Amino acid sequence: MRATVMAPLLAGMLLVTTGCSSDRALEQPSPAGSVADQCSQVMGLLPEALVGQPRTSREANVATWGDPRISVRCGVPKPAKLEPTSRCDVLNGVGWFAEDPGTAVRKAWRFTTIGRSGYIEVVVPEKYEPAADVLIELTGAVQQMPVVKPCR
C-alpha cells in the first residue's frame, strides 16, 4: 500500500454519498477471537463527544455522534475495494483507506483503517468537514487495534 500524508487525502479525495440516514440502524459487525477483544477496548475508549457532537448511540461494536450521524463500526470486513496497491493515508500514525460508500442519500466520507489486526470503519458526513478532525479525535481509541503491517 502506498502511504501518503493527510493533506493529499483531503485535497484529492472525492466527496461521496452514503445511504446512511440518522434513522436507519447500522449493521452490527461480528468480529471474532482477539479482534472481538480489541474492538471492546477500542469502543470503550471512544469519546462522549466528537467534533462537538454528543454521542447518540453506543452498541457493542457501533457508536454514533450527531445528526447527520458520524459512525464508527469496529470489526467490519475488509473493504471489497481495498487492494495491496490502494492508497493509504496516514494521520497520527493510523493508516486510512477512503472509498465511495455506495449510493444515495447523504454526502459523506468513508474511512477504514489499514494495517491493523481488525478493520475499523468511520463514516463522516460532509457537515463535519474537515473529516480529518474526526479521525484525529478518534486516534487514541483506534490505536488500541494493534498494527500488523504499517502503511508504506
Protein backbone atom coordinates (compact mmCIF):
# COMPACT_ATOMS: atom_id res chain seq x y z
CA MET A 1 0.00 0.00 0.00
CA ARG A 2 1.22 3.45 -0.76
CA ALA A 3 1.43 5.73 2.24
CA THR A 4 0.79 9.42 1.86
CA VAL A 5 0.25 12.31 4.20
CA MET A 6 -3.11 13.74 5.20
CA ALA A 7 -3.02 16.89 3.04
CA PRO A 8 -3.28 14.91 -0.22
CA LEU A 9 -6.06 12.86 1.34
CA LEU A 10 -8.20 15.89 1.96
CA ALA A 11 -7.24 17.62 -1.25
CA GLY A 12 -7.60 14.67 -3.57
CA MET A 13 -10.39 12.62 -2.05
CA LEU A 14 -13.76 12.58 -3.74
CA LEU A 15 -16.83 13.68 -1.85
CA VAL A 16 -19.10 10.68 -1.90
CA THR A 17 -22.62 9.74 -0.96
CA THR A 18 -23.85 7.25 1.56
CA GLY A 19 -27.14 5.53 2.18
CA CYS A 20 -26.85 6.11 5.94
CA SER A 21 -29.57 8.24 7.35
CA SER A 22 -29.83 9.07 11.02
CA ASP A 23 -32.95 6.97 11.50
CA ARG A 24 -31.66 3.79 9.84
CA ALA A 25 -29.94 1.16 12.00
CA LEU A 26 -26.30 0.39 11.20
CA GLU A 27 -25.26 -3.20 10.72
CA GLN A 28 -23.58 -4.58 13.83
CA PRO A 29 -20.20 -6.17 12.96
CA SER A 30 -19.41 -9.56 14.47
CA PRO A 31 -15.65 -9.74 14.98
CA ALA A 32 -14.20 -13.00 16.26
CA GLY A 33 -11.31 -14.04 18.50
CA SER A 34 -8.75 -11.45 19.50
CA VAL A 35 -10.33 -8.83 17.20
CA ALA A 36 -13.51 -9.01 19.31
CA ASP A 37 -11.48 -8.28 22.45
CA GLN A 38 -9.59 -5.46 20.71
CA CYS A 39 -12.88 -3.94 19.49
CA SER A 40 -14.11 -3.93 23.08
CA GLN A 41 -11.04 -1.88 24.03
CA VAL A 42 -11.50 0.49 21.08
CA MET A 43 -15.20 1.02 21.78
CA GLY A 44 -14.53 1.60 25.48
CA LEU A 45 -12.19 4.49 24.68
CA LEU A 46 -14.43 6.34 22.23
CA PRO A 47 -15.22 9.90 23.32
CA GLU A 48 -18.60 11.04 24.63
CA ALA A 49 -18.41 13.96 22.18
CA LEU A 50 -16.79 14.01 18.74
CA VAL A 51 -16.08 17.30 16.90
CA GLY A 52 -18.51 18.94 19.31
CA GLN A 53 -21.30 16.43 18.66
CA PRO A 54 -22.73 14.33 21.52
CA ARG A 55 -22.72 10.56 21.27
CA THR A 56 -26.17 9.45 20.17
CA SER A 57 -25.72 5.69 20.49
CA ARG A 58 -23.27 3.01 21.52
CA GLU A 59 -23.72 -0.68 20.96
CA ALA A 60 -21.18 -3.49 21.20
CA ASN A 61 -19.30 -2.55 18.01
CA VAL A 62 -21.12 0.56 16.75
CA ALA A 63 -21.17 4.14 18.03
CA THR A 64 -22.67 7.31 16.55
CA TRP A 65 -22.50 11.06 17.18
CA GLY A 66 -24.57 14.00 15.96
CA ASP A 67 -27.16 14.46 13.22
CA PRO A 68 -26.41 13.68 10.49
CA ARG A 69 -24.56 10.96 12.30
CA ILE A 70 -20.88 10.23 12.37
CA SER A 71 -20.46 6.48 12.82
CA VAL A 72 -17.71 4.14 13.99
CA ARG A 73 -18.01 0.39 13.43
CA CYS A 74 -15.32 -1.93 14.77
CA GLY A 75 -14.63 -5.38 13.37
CA VAL A 76 -16.05 -4.76 9.90
CA PRO A 77 -14.96 -6.97 6.99
CA LYS A 78 -12.08 -5.90 4.75
CA PRO A 79 -13.40 -3.34 2.24
CA ALA A 80 -14.03 -5.03 -1.12
CA LYS A 81 -12.15 -2.27 -2.95
CA LEU A 82 -9.04 -2.45 -0.74
CA GLU A 83 -6.11 -3.79 -2.78
CA PRO A 84 -2.40 -4.15 -1.94
CA THR A 85 -1.77 -1.10 -4.15
CA SER A 86 -4.56 1.02 -2.62
CA ARG A 87 -3.67 4.44 -1.31
CA CYS A 88 -3.01 4.58 2.42
CA ASP A 89 -3.19 7.98 4.06
CA VAL A 90 -1.50 8.23 7.46
CA LEU A 91 -2.78 10.56 10.16
CA ASN A 92 -1.29 10.49 13.67
CA GLY A 93 0.23 7.09 12.98
CA VAL A 94 -3.00 5.49 11.76
CA GLY A 95 -3.33 4.35 8.14
CA TRP A 96 -6.69 5.01 6.47
CA PHE A 97 -8.30 3.80 3.23
CA ALA A 98 -11.02 6.03 1.75
CA GLU A 99 -13.78 4.79 -0.52
CA ASP A 100 -17.15 5.57 -2.01
CA PRO A 101 -19.62 4.08 0.49
CA GLY A 102 -22.27 3.46 -2.18
CA THR A 103 -25.48 5.00 -3.33
CA ALA A 104 -27.63 7.62 -2.26
CA VAL A 105 -28.97 9.90 0.27
CA ARG A 106 -26.31 11.92 2.02
CA LYS A 107 -22.81 13.10 1.14
CA ALA A 108 -20.14 11.64 3.40
CA TRP A 109 -16.61 10.28 3.64
CA ARG A 110 -15.92 6.62 4.49
CA PHE A 111 -12.57 5.69 6.01
CA THR A 112 -11.36 2.23 7.05
CA THR A 113 -8.19 1.52 8.99
CA ILE A 114 -5.41 -0.25 7.12
CA GLY A 115 -2.67 -2.47 8.53
CA ARG A 116 -4.30 -3.30 11.87
CA SER A 117 -5.41 -6.66 13.24
CA GLY A 118 -9.05 -5.69 12.60
CA TYR A 119 -10.82 -3.13 10.45
CA ILE A 120 -12.48 -0.03 11.91
CA GLU A 121 -14.83 1.96 9.67
CA VAL A 122 -15.61 5.65 10.19
CA VAL A 123 -18.28 7.48 8.17
CA VAL A 124 -18.16 11.28 8.35
CA PRO A 125 -20.95 13.37 6.76
CA GLU A 126 -19.79 16.46 4.85
CA LYS A 127 -21.29 18.69 7.56
CA TYR A 128 -18.27 17.85 9.73
CA GLU A 129 -15.52 18.79 7.27
CA PRO A 130 -12.65 18.66 7.50
CA ALA A 131 -13.12 14.92 8.03
CA ALA A 132 -9.56 14.69 9.34
CA ASP A 133 -10.72 16.37 12.57
CA VAL A 134 -12.92 13.35 13.33
CA LEU A 135 -10.09 10.92 12.59
CA ILE A 136 -7.71 12.90 14.81
CA GLU A 137 -10.15 12.78 17.74
CA LEU A 138 -10.52 9.01 17.28
CA THR A 139 -6.76 8.31 17.17
CA GLY A 140 -6.36 7.27 20.82
CA ALA A 141 -9.16 4.70 20.62
CA VAL A 142 -8.24 3.40 17.15
CA GLN A 143 -4.63 2.84 18.19
CA GLN A 144 -5.88 0.11 20.58
CA MET A 145 -6.26 -2.08 17.48
CA PRO A 146 -2.70 -3.47 17.05
CA VAL A 147 -0.66 -2.69 13.93
CA VAL A 148 0.22 -5.76 11.87
CA LYS A 149 1.60 -4.01 8.78
CA PRO A 150 2.13 -0.25 8.70
CA CYS A 151 1.43 1.76 5.57
CA ARG A 152 4.43 2.24 3.30
